[in-house]
Each structure stands twice: as C-alpha cells, then as structure tokens.
C-alpha cells in the first residue's frame, strides 16, 4: 500500500514539475504566431523574460515547493506580454497616415530634398523609427528617422537623396517600426505610398554654357573660338557691342542714334541637320567616376545638341543596341532638347552585341537628307571595330560621318607608367599593343573620310563641341 501511494505521489510530482515547462512553451508560442502572421516580433527584452521563466522552472525541479511561485511568474509574464501585444497591435492597426513630398524630376548626381510626414491619430504614443523607400543606386542622408509621436501628433522627416543612375524610378512604400509600451514587442509596418521620380542627366552644364556664351568666356570650359572660312553676308540683327566683336562690324549710324556701340550680326548657316547614334550595347557598360560610358556619352551628346540647336540646326537622336530603342527625328527649336532628354534619360547599357547594321539601315530609311551623323561608341575588339569602320565609311558622301570613340583611362595609364615588376611590365606591354591596334582603327576611319573624336569619357564634352564648331566653320555640311 505504501509503495502504491509513493508511486502516485511521484507521478503527480513529476507531472507538476513539467508544468513550468508547459507554461514556458505557451509563453513562446505567441512569438512564432505573431511574427508569422502579424509582423510583430519580440524585442531584446524577451531574452530577459525567458531567462526569468527558465530560472523559475529550473528551481521548481529541485524545490517542488517553489512550483506555485514558478507558475505564478509564468502567468504574470504571459499576461503582461499579452496585454502589451494587444495594446501595440490594436493601436497601430489603423490611424497612422503618411504623406511624401518629393519633386517629380531631378538631375543625375544632384541631391534633392525629400520630406515624409507621419500623423498619429491613435491614443498611443508612437515610439520607433520610420524609413522611406530608397531606389537602387541612390544615397540617402539620413537613412532612417527616430519616431516619437504623441497622440494626434505630427512629424516631418527630411532627407537628402542623391541619385546615382538615370531613369524612371518608383517610390512605393514607407517602412515603420513601433515598440510596445513595455518594450516587449516590435511591430513592422509597410505602408503603400506611390511616387514617380524621373532622373535626368545633369543639365547644369547647359545653363553654364549659355551663361559663358553670352559673356564670350567659352574658353573656360575648353571650347575654342573657331575662325570661320569665308563670311556669311546675310544680315540678321543689330546688337550691343562686346569686347570680342570685330570692329569692322560696327554700325556707326546706329551707334550715333543710340549713343551706344552697336554691331551688325550676320546669319550663320542654318537648317543643317545633326543626328546622334548612341550605342547602348555592351561596349558602353564600363564605368568611370561612378558613371557608365553611356552616361558620359549622353551628357556630352546633350551638350552638343544644345549648341547645335542654338546655332539654328535641326538635331535628332537614335538609341540602339541589338534593336532600335528610340528615335527622335531631326528638328529645330528650343523644345527639341526636351524631346532628346525624354528619349535618352531611361536608356541603359545592355549586355548584348550592338547591331550597327540595323542602326544604319534605320537611319538610311528615316533620314534621307545630308546630315552630320555622330556615332558614339567604344572599340575593344576587332569585330565591333571593323563594323564601326565599315558602316561609318559607307555613309560618307551621303552624310558627314563623325566617330566618337571613348578611351579607357586605365589602359592608357598602364601603358604610360610601367614599373620594374615583371607582371607590371607584361601588363604595360599588353596595354601598349592594344593601344597601337586602336590607333590603327582611328587611322582607318580617317582614311575613309570619317571625322574622329578620340577622348576620355569624362573629358568628352569640349572636344565634341569643338569638332562641331569646326564643321560649321569650314562649311563641311
């Protein structure tokens, strides 16, 4: 009889000793469910809570009389965690409004202001962080903001965004993180908030050119003053005399009448056409100063287009890789530069082989009138180099071809500065051999009657504009 009673007592004690562990399991089960379904996660304070419950359960094993205390501790912890969880979830489930203020357009590499306004219409003081959406290749300062909003409060978070690539981007979400009053839970919210942001090439250079052109200081950006062959005799207008004007063009009658030096301005050759062929294939994927070769080429192309439009010429553009991506027919007028920007700002280099045959076939069928055809590309192997030479040489006569070939600065640096190590010597010899081959490609283009601009990507704008002005000055079109 005593053995049977002893066995019953042992079984009951064993079951009671498991009770704290069962309670602990019930305490941890909501963590998994909340994280899975409601995006509410335990905070670091849960480590302390679980440690207290674990300690009470271990003590109850060795001291059965402590069992009631351990169960009581677990019940209190479960109740506190449950109330804390419900308070956080119910008060952040609605009543939070977020608005974003951001420009629709910006320029590549130019920081812009972005504002995020958070309104709290809940009875709970919101404590946590807020982070706005960040597109790829963008930099944000700061990355997130501390959030502490009293009931019915409002907060505006400001940040600086710096775009690192062109194109059309969508800001779609705002991410919020809230802590519960007892700091036991953290809830992550993702609110939908849509804004469109178009990143265009940096157009600051256009305004700088216009300012320097008005003050006759274009030499500051590397643009040479080209002497025109012959003289245009068609009178255009009278204007004020500037320091660099030819004194022979002074109109003395108008000067006497206005009591201010006045010169006659003659009309330049107008209605000529310039068509840009922009290679968007694998040859333009290399990077320089954080930008791809296509970024540098597009900036210089838009600069030359702006100069050509200011000279009265019609400008068009064709973007291609393995297919035709966009085509803007040649037109004049100040609004044409906006069409070119819209056609090129979302073009990116693709890892495909460029189809020069399709590009020049499309050009021949859509551009019949004689034009200055400017092909901007890069040559790194014999296959694409022979295609560039052939197609540019074949249009000579119908059009005036201009090949813009971008240099690889690392290649030139390797060939110019070899040191005594064997590997560096071999590297310099290989770079020199490639540059000799490239120089032969340039000579082949010149022998075929093709104008050539050979420049580094970050120094392309001034040589390209100078070449265009030289074409105008020599009446090559």
Protein backbone atom coordinates (compact mmCIF):
# COMPACT_ATOMS: atom_id res chain seq x y z
CA UNK A 1 0.00 0.00 0.00
CA UNK A 2 2.80 2.36 0.87
CA UNK A 3 4.59 1.57 -2.41
CA UNK A 4 1.47 2.34 -4.42
CA UNK A 5 0.96 5.65 -2.62
CA UNK A 6 4.59 6.57 -3.10
CA UNK A 7 4.31 5.85 -6.85
CA UNK A 8 1.18 8.04 -7.17
CA UNK A 9 2.92 10.88 -5.35
CA UNK A 10 5.99 10.58 -7.60
CA UNK A 11 3.87 10.64 -10.76
CA UNK A 12 1.97 13.68 -9.54
CA UNK A 13 5.17 15.44 -8.61
CA UNK A 14 6.69 14.60 -11.98
CA UNK A 15 3.65 16.00 -13.76
CA UNK A 16 3.72 19.15 -11.66
CA UNK A 17 7.42 19.60 -12.38
CA UNK A 18 6.60 19.68 -16.09
CA UNK A 19 4.02 22.41 -15.58
CA UNK A 20 6.51 25.32 -15.72
CA UNK A 21 7.93 23.98 -18.95
CA UNK A 22 4.44 23.71 -20.46
CA UNK A 23 3.77 27.26 -19.35
CA UNK A 24 7.08 28.34 -20.90
CA UNK A 25 6.09 26.69 -24.19
CA UNK A 26 2.76 28.53 -24.10
CA UNK A 27 4.71 31.73 -23.49
CA UNK A 28 6.91 31.20 -26.56
CA UNK A 29 4.14 30.02 -28.90
CA UNK A 30 2.67 33.53 -29.46
CA UNK A 31 6.10 34.72 -30.57
CA UNK A 32 6.06 32.41 -33.56
CA UNK A 33 2.44 33.12 -34.49
CA UNK A 34 2.79 36.89 -34.13
CA UNK A 35 5.95 37.03 -36.22
CA UNK A 36 4.46 34.81 -38.92
CA UNK A 37 1.05 36.41 -39.38
CA UNK A 38 1.11 39.90 -37.89
CA UNK A 39 4.73 41.02 -38.42
CA UNK A 40 5.11 41.61 -34.70
CA UNK A 41 8.44 40.42 -33.38
CA UNK A 42 9.85 40.03 -29.86
CA UNK A 43 12.31 42.63 -28.74
CA UNK A 44 15.62 42.05 -26.97
CA UNK A 45 13.79 42.33 -23.65
CA UNK A 46 12.30 38.91 -24.36
CA UNK A 47 15.68 37.43 -23.55
CA UNK A 48 15.34 38.69 -20.00
CA UNK A 49 11.75 37.44 -19.70
CA UNK A 50 12.56 34.00 -21.00
CA UNK A 51 15.58 33.88 -18.72
CA UNK A 52 13.40 34.62 -15.66
CA UNK A 53 10.87 31.96 -16.66
CA UNK A 54 13.62 29.45 -17.34
CA UNK A 55 15.25 30.14 -13.99
CA UNK A 56 11.93 29.68 -12.15
CA UNK A 57 11.30 26.38 -13.96
CA UNK A 58 14.77 25.05 -13.09
CA UNK A 59 14.33 25.99 -9.42
CA UNK A 60 10.95 24.22 -9.37
CA UNK A 61 12.63 20.97 -10.40
CA UNK A 62 14.90 20.92 -7.37
CA UNK A 63 12.46 22.58 -4.95
CA UNK A 64 8.89 21.33 -5.57
CA UNK A 65 7.53 23.84 -3.10
CA UNK A 66 8.65 26.60 -5.49
CA UNK A 67 6.33 25.20 -8.17
CA UNK A 68 3.44 27.54 -7.38
CA UNK A 69 5.78 30.55 -7.50
CA UNK A 70 7.17 29.45 -10.89
CA UNK A 71 3.69 29.02 -12.32
CA UNK A 72 2.68 32.39 -10.93
CA UNK A 73 5.71 34.04 -12.50
CA UNK A 74 4.89 32.50 -15.88
CA UNK A 75 1.25 33.55 -15.65
CA UNK A 76 2.24 37.12 -14.84
CA UNK A 77 4.71 37.18 -17.73
CA UNK A 78 2.12 35.76 -20.13
CA UNK A 79 -0.47 38.29 -19.01
CA UNK A 80 1.95 41.22 -19.29
CA UNK A 81 3.18 40.12 -22.71
CA UNK A 82 -0.38 39.53 -23.93
CA UNK A 83 -1.62 42.95 -22.81
CA UNK A 84 1.48 44.62 -24.23
CA UNK A 85 0.99 42.78 -27.53
CA UNK A 86 -2.71 43.65 -27.86
CA UNK A 87 -2.07 47.29 -26.96
CA UNK A 88 0.57 47.61 -29.67
CA UNK A 89 -1.34 45.72 -32.35
CA UNK A 90 -4.74 47.32 -31.85
CA UNK A 91 -3.39 50.87 -31.62
CA UNK A 92 -1.10 50.63 -34.66
CA UNK A 93 -3.51 48.71 -36.86
CA UNK A 94 -5.11 51.95 -38.07
CA UNK A 95 -4.94 55.68 -37.51
CA UNK A 96 -1.45 56.22 -38.98
CA UNK A 97 -1.22 58.40 -42.07
CA UNK A 98 1.94 59.07 -44.09
CA UNK A 99 2.46 61.56 -46.92
CA UNK A 100 5.55 62.19 -49.03
CA UNK A 101 6.71 65.41 -50.67
CA UNK A 102 9.32 64.93 -53.40
CA UNK A 103 9.99 66.56 -56.80
CA UNK A 104 8.89 64.58 -59.82
CA UNK A 105 12.14 65.25 -61.71
CA UNK A 106 15.77 65.66 -60.72
CA UNK A 107 19.24 65.54 -62.24
CA UNK A 108 21.82 62.78 -62.04
CA UNK A 109 24.23 63.24 -59.14
CA UNK A 110 22.45 66.37 -57.84
CA UNK A 111 21.00 65.99 -54.31
CA UNK A 112 17.30 66.70 -53.86
CA UNK A 113 15.08 67.18 -50.83
CA UNK A 114 12.52 64.60 -49.78
CA UNK A 115 10.03 65.06 -46.94
CA UNK A 116 7.96 62.43 -45.15
CA UNK A 117 5.10 63.49 -42.87
CA UNK A 118 3.73 61.00 -40.31
CA UNK A 119 0.46 61.70 -38.48
CA UNK A 120 -0.57 59.82 -35.34
CA UNK A 121 -4.33 59.59 -34.85
CA UNK A 122 -4.19 56.84 -32.24
CA UNK A 123 -4.44 57.12 -28.43
CA UNK A 124 -0.96 55.64 -28.12
CA UNK A 125 2.34 57.50 -28.14
CA UNK A 126 4.21 56.02 -31.09
CA UNK A 127 7.87 55.26 -30.45
CA UNK A 128 10.13 53.75 -33.09
CA UNK A 129 11.67 54.55 -36.47
CA UNK A 130 10.48 55.50 -39.93
CA UNK A 131 12.33 54.79 -43.16
CA UNK A 132 11.32 55.88 -46.64
CA UNK A 133 11.72 53.81 -49.77
CA UNK A 134 15.15 54.00 -51.44
CA UNK A 135 15.61 53.04 -55.11
CA UNK A 136 18.72 51.22 -56.25
CA UNK A 137 21.89 53.29 -56.72
CA UNK A 138 20.50 56.10 -54.53
CA UNK A 139 22.13 57.55 -51.43
CA UNK A 140 20.05 58.80 -48.51
CA UNK A 141 21.17 61.03 -45.64
CA UNK A 142 19.93 60.09 -43.11
CA UNK A 143 18.80 56.56 -43.90
CA UNK A 144 16.06 56.49 -41.23
CA UNK A 145 14.48 58.80 -38.65
CA UNK A 146 13.65 58.39 -34.97
CA UNK A 147 9.90 58.48 -34.39
CA UNK A 148 8.24 59.72 -31.20
CA UNK A 149 4.72 60.96 -31.73
CA UNK A 150 2.19 61.79 -29.01
CA UNK A 151 -1.50 61.12 -29.67
CA UNK A 152 -2.81 63.31 -32.54
CA UNK A 153 0.75 64.46 -33.22
CA UNK A 154 2.57 65.07 -36.49
CA UNK A 155 6.21 64.79 -37.51
CA UNK A 156 8.05 65.74 -40.71
CA UNK A 157 11.23 63.86 -41.55
CA UNK A 158 13.58 65.40 -44.09
CA UNK A 159 16.36 63.68 -46.02
CA UNK A 160 18.74 64.33 -48.90
CA UNK A 161 18.54 61.96 -51.83
CA UNK A 162 21.40 61.66 -54.29
CA UNK A 163 20.56 59.66 -57.44
CA UNK A 164 23.39 57.55 -58.79
CA UNK A 165 21.77 56.48 -62.07
CA UNK A 166 19.40 57.86 -64.66
CA UNK A 167 15.94 56.53 -65.39
CA UNK A 168 12.38 56.35 -64.13
CA UNK A 169 12.08 55.18 -60.53
CA UNK A 170 9.08 54.43 -58.34
CA UNK A 171 8.96 55.06 -54.60
CA UNK A 172 6.28 52.64 -53.48
CA UNK A 173 6.46 52.04 -49.73
CA UNK A 174 7.18 53.60 -46.34
CA UNK A 175 8.55 51.37 -43.58
CA UNK A 176 7.66 51.97 -39.92
CA UNK A 177 8.81 50.20 -36.79
CA UNK A 178 7.00 50.64 -33.47
CA UNK A 179 7.82 49.48 -29.95
CA UNK A 180 5.18 48.42 -27.41
CA UNK A 181 4.76 50.35 -24.13
CA UNK A 182 6.63 47.67 -22.15
CA UNK A 183 9.25 47.34 -24.90
CA UNK A 184 8.46 43.65 -25.27
CA UNK A 185 7.26 43.75 -28.86
CA UNK A 186 8.30 45.45 -32.09
CA UNK A 187 5.88 45.81 -34.98
CA UNK A 188 6.98 46.39 -38.58
CA UNK A 189 4.56 48.12 -40.93
CA UNK A 190 4.88 48.66 -44.65
CA UNK A 191 2.51 51.31 -45.97
CA UNK A 192 1.90 51.79 -49.69
CA UNK A 193 2.79 55.28 -50.88
CA UNK A 194 3.44 55.72 -54.59
CA UNK A 195 5.52 58.50 -56.17
CA UNK A 196 7.26 58.64 -59.55
CA UNK A 197 10.76 60.08 -59.82
CA UNK A 198 12.46 60.71 -63.17
CA UNK A 199 16.23 61.17 -63.00
CA UNK A 200 17.62 63.07 -65.99
CA UNK A 201 21.22 63.72 -66.99
CA UNK A 202 22.77 66.70 -65.27
CA UNK A 203 21.61 69.73 -67.25
CA UNK A 204 23.64 72.20 -65.23
CA UNK A 205 26.25 72.21 -67.99
CA UNK A 206 23.68 73.65 -70.43
CA UNK A 207 22.98 76.67 -68.26
CA UNK A 208 26.72 77.17 -67.72
CA UNK A 209 27.31 77.09 -71.47
CA UNK A 210 24.53 79.63 -72.08
CA UNK A 211 25.97 81.96 -69.45
CA UNK A 212 29.53 81.69 -70.77
CA UNK A 213 28.33 82.11 -74.36
CA UNK A 214 26.58 85.36 -73.50
CA UNK A 215 29.74 86.70 -71.88
CA UNK A 216 32.16 85.29 -74.50
CA UNK A 217 34.01 83.12 -71.99
CA UNK A 218 33.55 79.68 -73.53
CA UNK A 219 37.28 79.06 -73.29
CA UNK A 220 36.78 78.42 -69.57
CA UNK A 221 35.13 75.07 -70.37
CA UNK A 222 37.57 74.18 -73.16
CA UNK A 223 35.54 75.42 -76.15
CA UNK A 224 37.82 77.04 -78.69
CA UNK A 225 36.89 80.08 -80.71
CA UNK A 226 36.91 78.82 -84.31
CA UNK A 227 37.66 81.13 -87.20
CA UNK A 228 35.09 80.75 -89.95
CA UNK A 229 36.24 80.20 -93.51
CA UNK A 230 34.65 82.95 -95.58
CA UNK A 231 31.89 85.15 -94.22
CA UNK A 232 28.12 84.94 -94.07
CA UNK A 233 26.72 88.05 -95.68
CA UNK A 234 23.04 87.69 -94.77
CA UNK A 235 22.19 90.33 -92.17
CA UNK A 236 20.31 89.07 -89.12
CA UNK A 237 20.04 91.82 -86.47
CA UNK A 238 21.72 94.65 -84.56
CA UNK A 239 23.03 94.13 -81.05
CA UNK A 240 25.26 95.74 -78.45
CA UNK A 241 29.00 95.63 -78.98
CA UNK A 242 31.02 93.19 -76.88
CA UNK A 243 34.77 93.06 -76.31
CA UNK A 244 35.50 90.23 -78.77
CA UNK A 245 33.46 91.62 -81.69
CA UNK A 246 35.16 92.65 -84.94
CA UNK A 247 35.29 96.45 -85.09
CA UNK A 248 34.57 96.24 -88.82
CA UNK A 249 31.04 95.11 -87.99
CA UNK A 250 30.23 98.26 -86.02
CA UNK A 251 27.20 100.08 -87.44
CA UNK A 252 28.16 103.72 -86.94
CA UNK A 253 24.78 105.18 -87.84
CA UNK A 254 23.00 103.02 -85.25
CA UNK A 255 25.76 103.81 -82.78
CA UNK A 256 25.25 107.56 -83.25
CA UNK A 257 21.48 107.24 -82.99
CA UNK A 258 21.55 105.01 -79.87
CA UNK A 259 24.68 106.63 -78.36
CA UNK A 260 25.95 103.12 -77.69
CA UNK A 261 28.33 100.96 -79.69
CA UNK A 262 26.22 98.70 -81.93
CA UNK A 263 27.36 95.92 -84.25
CA UNK A 264 25.74 94.11 -87.14
CA UNK A 265 25.23 90.38 -86.62
CA UNK A 266 25.17 88.16 -89.68
CA UNK A 267 23.15 84.99 -90.02
CA UNK A 268 25.01 81.70 -89.83
CA UNK A 269 24.33 78.65 -91.93
CA UNK A 270 21.07 77.24 -90.57
CA UNK A 271 18.68 74.39 -91.20
CA UNK A 272 21.52 71.88 -91.23
CA UNK A 273 20.95 68.54 -89.56
CA UNK A 274 22.76 66.61 -86.84
CA UNK A 275 21.81 63.03 -85.97
CA UNK A 276 23.30 61.26 -82.95
CA UNK A 277 23.66 57.47 -82.93
CA UNK A 278 24.05 56.39 -79.31
CA UNK A 279 25.38 52.87 -78.74
CA UNK A 280 23.59 51.26 -75.76
CA UNK A 281 25.25 47.83 -76.06
CA UNK A 282 27.94 46.01 -74.13
CA UNK A 283 30.70 48.38 -75.27
CA UNK A 284 29.24 51.12 -73.07
CA UNK A 285 28.95 49.21 -69.78
CA UNK A 286 32.33 50.20 -68.32
CA UNK A 287 32.32 52.77 -65.53
CA UNK A 288 34.30 55.92 -64.95
CA UNK A 289 33.93 58.12 -61.86
CA UNK A 290 30.85 56.14 -60.84
CA UNK A 291 29.05 56.59 -64.18
CA UNK A 292 28.86 54.29 -67.17
CA UNK A 293 30.32 55.24 -70.53
CA UNK A 294 26.76 55.71 -71.75
CA UNK A 295 26.14 58.30 -69.01
CA UNK A 296 29.19 60.31 -70.09
CA UNK A 297 28.25 59.95 -73.76
CA UNK A 298 24.68 61.09 -73.16
CA UNK A 299 25.81 64.16 -71.20
CA UNK A 300 28.19 65.20 -74.00
CA UNK A 301 25.59 64.44 -76.66
CA UNK A 302 23.01 66.67 -75.00
CA UNK A 303 25.59 69.43 -74.67
CA UNK A 304 26.46 69.29 -78.35
CA UNK A 305 22.74 69.10 -79.22
CA UNK A 306 22.13 72.26 -77.19
CA UNK A 307 24.94 74.06 -79.03
CA UNK A 308 23.65 72.88 -82.41
CA UNK A 309 20.11 74.00 -81.62
CA UNK A 310 21.42 77.40 -80.55
CA UNK A 311 23.16 77.60 -83.94
CA UNK A 312 19.83 77.06 -85.69
CA UNK A 313 20.43 73.44 -86.74
CA UNK A 314 17.98 70.55 -86.52
CA UNK A 315 19.01 67.75 -84.14
CA UNK A 316 17.82 64.13 -83.85
CA UNK A 317 18.89 61.05 -81.92
CA UNK A 318 18.81 57.27 -82.40
CA UNK A 319 19.43 54.92 -79.43
CA UNK A 320 20.19 51.30 -80.27
CA UNK A 321 21.81 48.08 -79.08
CA UNK A 322 20.62 44.75 -80.50
CA UNK A 323 17.46 46.60 -81.57
CA UNK A 324 16.23 50.16 -82.01
CA UNK A 325 15.18 51.60 -78.67
CA UNK A 326 14.13 55.14 -79.56
CA UNK A 327 14.34 57.57 -82.44
CA UNK A 328 13.76 61.33 -82.41
CA UNK A 329 13.58 62.84 -85.93
CA UNK A 330 15.76 65.91 -86.51
CA UNK A 331 14.00 69.13 -85.60
CA UNK A 332 14.97 72.61 -84.57
CA UNK A 333 13.76 74.88 -81.82
CA UNK A 334 14.34 75.11 -78.11
CA UNK A 335 11.75 72.42 -77.32
CA UNK A 336 13.76 69.77 -79.18
CA UNK A 337 16.26 69.47 -76.34
CA UNK A 338 13.43 68.31 -74.07
CA UNK A 339 12.47 65.60 -76.57
CA UNK A 340 16.06 64.39 -76.66
CA UNK A 341 16.24 64.28 -72.88
CA UNK A 342 12.98 62.33 -72.65
CA UNK A 343 14.22 59.83 -75.25
CA UNK A 344 17.57 59.21 -73.60
CA UNK A 345 17.19 59.55 -69.84
CA UNK A 346 15.92 55.98 -69.34
CA UNK A 347 18.35 54.27 -71.72
CA UNK A 348 20.87 51.97 -70.05
CA UNK A 349 23.79 49.91 -71.39
CA UNK A 350 22.76 46.32 -72.06
CA UNK A 351 24.97 43.23 -72.12
CA UNK A 352 24.19 42.50 -75.77
CA UNK A 353 26.07 42.85 -79.03
CA UNK A 354 25.16 46.08 -80.79
CA UNK A 355 23.62 45.72 -84.24
CA UNK A 356 25.23 48.50 -86.25
CA UNK A 357 23.63 47.14 -89.41
CA UNK A 358 20.14 47.68 -88.04
CA UNK A 359 21.02 51.16 -86.76
CA UNK A 360 22.44 52.40 -90.07
CA UNK A 361 19.65 50.73 -92.07
CA UNK A 362 17.09 52.50 -89.89
CA UNK A 363 18.99 55.76 -90.35
CA UNK A 364 19.07 55.43 -94.15
CA UNK A 365 15.32 54.82 -94.32
CA UNK A 366 14.34 57.63 -91.96
CA UNK A 367 16.95 60.29 -92.72
CA UNK A 368 17.39 60.98 -96.44
CA UNK A 369 18.78 64.50 -96.23
CA UNK A 370 22.52 65.04 -95.76
CA UNK A 371 23.35 65.25 -92.06
CA UNK A 372 26.22 65.19 -89.63
CA UNK A 373 25.95 61.61 -88.25
CA UNK A 374 27.64 61.30 -84.84
CA UNK A 375 28.20 57.71 -83.67
CA UNK A 376 29.29 57.46 -80.02
CA UNK A 377 30.70 54.05 -79.10
CA UNK A 378 33.72 52.19 -77.80
CA UNK A 379 36.01 49.76 -79.63
CA UNK A 380 37.58 46.90 -77.70
CA UNK A 381 37.84 44.09 -80.23
CA UNK A 382 38.30 43.58 -83.96
CA UNK A 383 34.69 42.55 -84.60
CA UNK A 384 33.00 45.72 -83.47
CA UNK A 385 35.91 47.90 -84.68
CA UNK A 386 35.57 46.60 -88.25
CA UNK A 387 31.80 47.16 -88.11
CA UNK A 388 32.27 50.76 -86.95
CA UNK A 389 34.83 51.46 -89.70
CA UNK A 390 32.72 49.86 -92.44
CA UNK A 391 29.39 51.48 -91.61
CA UNK A 392 30.76 54.95 -90.94
CA UNK A 393 32.88 54.79 -94.10
CA UNK A 394 29.97 53.61 -96.24
CA UNK A 395 27.74 56.59 -95.43
CA UNK A 396 30.48 59.08 -96.36
CA UNK A 397 29.16 61.03 -99.31
CA UNK A 398 25.51 60.85 -98.42
CA UNK A 399 26.21 62.06 -94.87
CA UNK A 400 29.13 63.54 -93.00
CA UNK A 401 30.19 60.82 -90.50
CA UNK A 402 31.74 61.61 -87.13
CA UNK A 403 33.01 58.75 -84.97
CA UNK A 404 33.29 59.42 -81.24
CA UNK A 405 35.48 56.74 -79.65
CA UNK A 406 35.86 56.69 -75.88
CA UNK A 407 39.24 55.99 -74.34
CA UNK A 408 39.95 53.63 -71.45
CA UNK A 409 41.96 55.64 -68.94
CA UNK A 410 43.23 52.54 -67.13
CA UNK A 411 44.61 51.25 -70.41
CA UNK A 412 46.47 54.48 -71.09
CA UNK A 413 47.77 54.65 -67.52
CA UNK A 414 49.03 51.07 -67.70
CA UNK A 415 50.90 51.77 -70.94
CA UNK A 416 52.36 55.08 -69.75
CA UNK A 417 53.67 54.05 -66.34
CA UNK A 418 55.24 50.57 -66.21
CA UNK A 419 57.42 49.78 -63.23
CA UNK A 420 60.13 47.19 -62.63
CA UNK A 421 57.98 44.23 -61.60
CA UNK A 422 57.66 41.53 -64.29
CA UNK A 423 53.85 41.40 -64.08
CA UNK A 424 53.55 45.17 -64.47
CA UNK A 425 55.94 45.10 -67.42
CA UNK A 426 53.84 42.45 -69.18
CA UNK A 427 50.71 44.43 -68.35
CA UNK A 428 52.20 47.62 -69.82
CA UNK A 429 53.31 45.76 -72.96
CA UNK A 430 49.83 44.29 -73.46
CA UNK A 431 48.21 47.71 -72.96
CA UNK A 432 50.63 49.31 -75.45
CA UNK A 433 49.85 46.62 -78.02
CA UNK A 434 46.10 47.24 -77.66
CA UNK A 435 46.59 50.99 -77.98
CA UNK A 436 48.63 50.53 -81.15
CA UNK A 437 45.79 48.46 -82.60
CA UNK A 438 43.32 51.13 -81.54
CA UNK A 439 45.40 53.85 -83.16
CA UNK A 440 45.29 51.88 -86.40
CA UNK A 441 41.49 51.78 -86.16
CA UNK A 442 41.45 55.59 -85.87
CA UNK A 443 43.69 55.91 -88.92
CA UNK A 444 41.42 53.59 -90.90
CA UNK A 445 38.46 55.81 -90.07
CA UNK A 446 40.32 58.94 -91.16
CA UNK A 447 41.37 57.25 -94.43
CA UNK A 448 37.70 56.51 -95.11
CA UNK A 449 36.88 60.20 -94.74
CA UNK A 450 35.39 59.91 -91.26
CA UNK A 451 35.87 62.69 -88.71
CA UNK A 452 37.11 61.33 -85.38
CA UNK A 453 36.88 62.50 -81.78
CA UNK A 454 39.12 60.42 -79.50
CA UNK A 455 38.73 61.44 -75.85
CA UNK A 456 38.35 60.17 -72.33
CA UNK A 457 34.72 59.81 -71.21
CA UNK A 458 34.88 62.48 -68.51
CA UNK A 459 36.61 64.93 -70.90
CA UNK A 460 34.42 64.38 -73.94
CA UNK A 461 32.21 67.46 -73.95
CA UNK A 462 34.73 70.12 -75.01
CA UNK A 463 36.35 68.10 -77.87
CA UNK A 464 32.92 67.14 -79.21
CA UNK A 465 31.64 70.72 -79.21
CA UNK A 466 34.89 71.96 -80.76
CA UNK A 467 34.59 69.39 -83.56
CA UNK A 468 31.04 70.51 -84.30
CA UNK A 469 32.05 74.18 -84.36
CA UNK A 470 34.92 73.32 -86.70
CA UNK A 471 32.49 71.57 -89.06
CA UNK A 472 30.33 74.67 -89.06
CA UNK A 473 33.29 76.99 -89.57
CA UNK A 474 34.62 75.02 -92.56
CA UNK A 475 31.15 74.57 -94.12
CA UNK A 476 31.70 70.79 -94.33
CA UNK A 477 27.96 70.14 -94.35
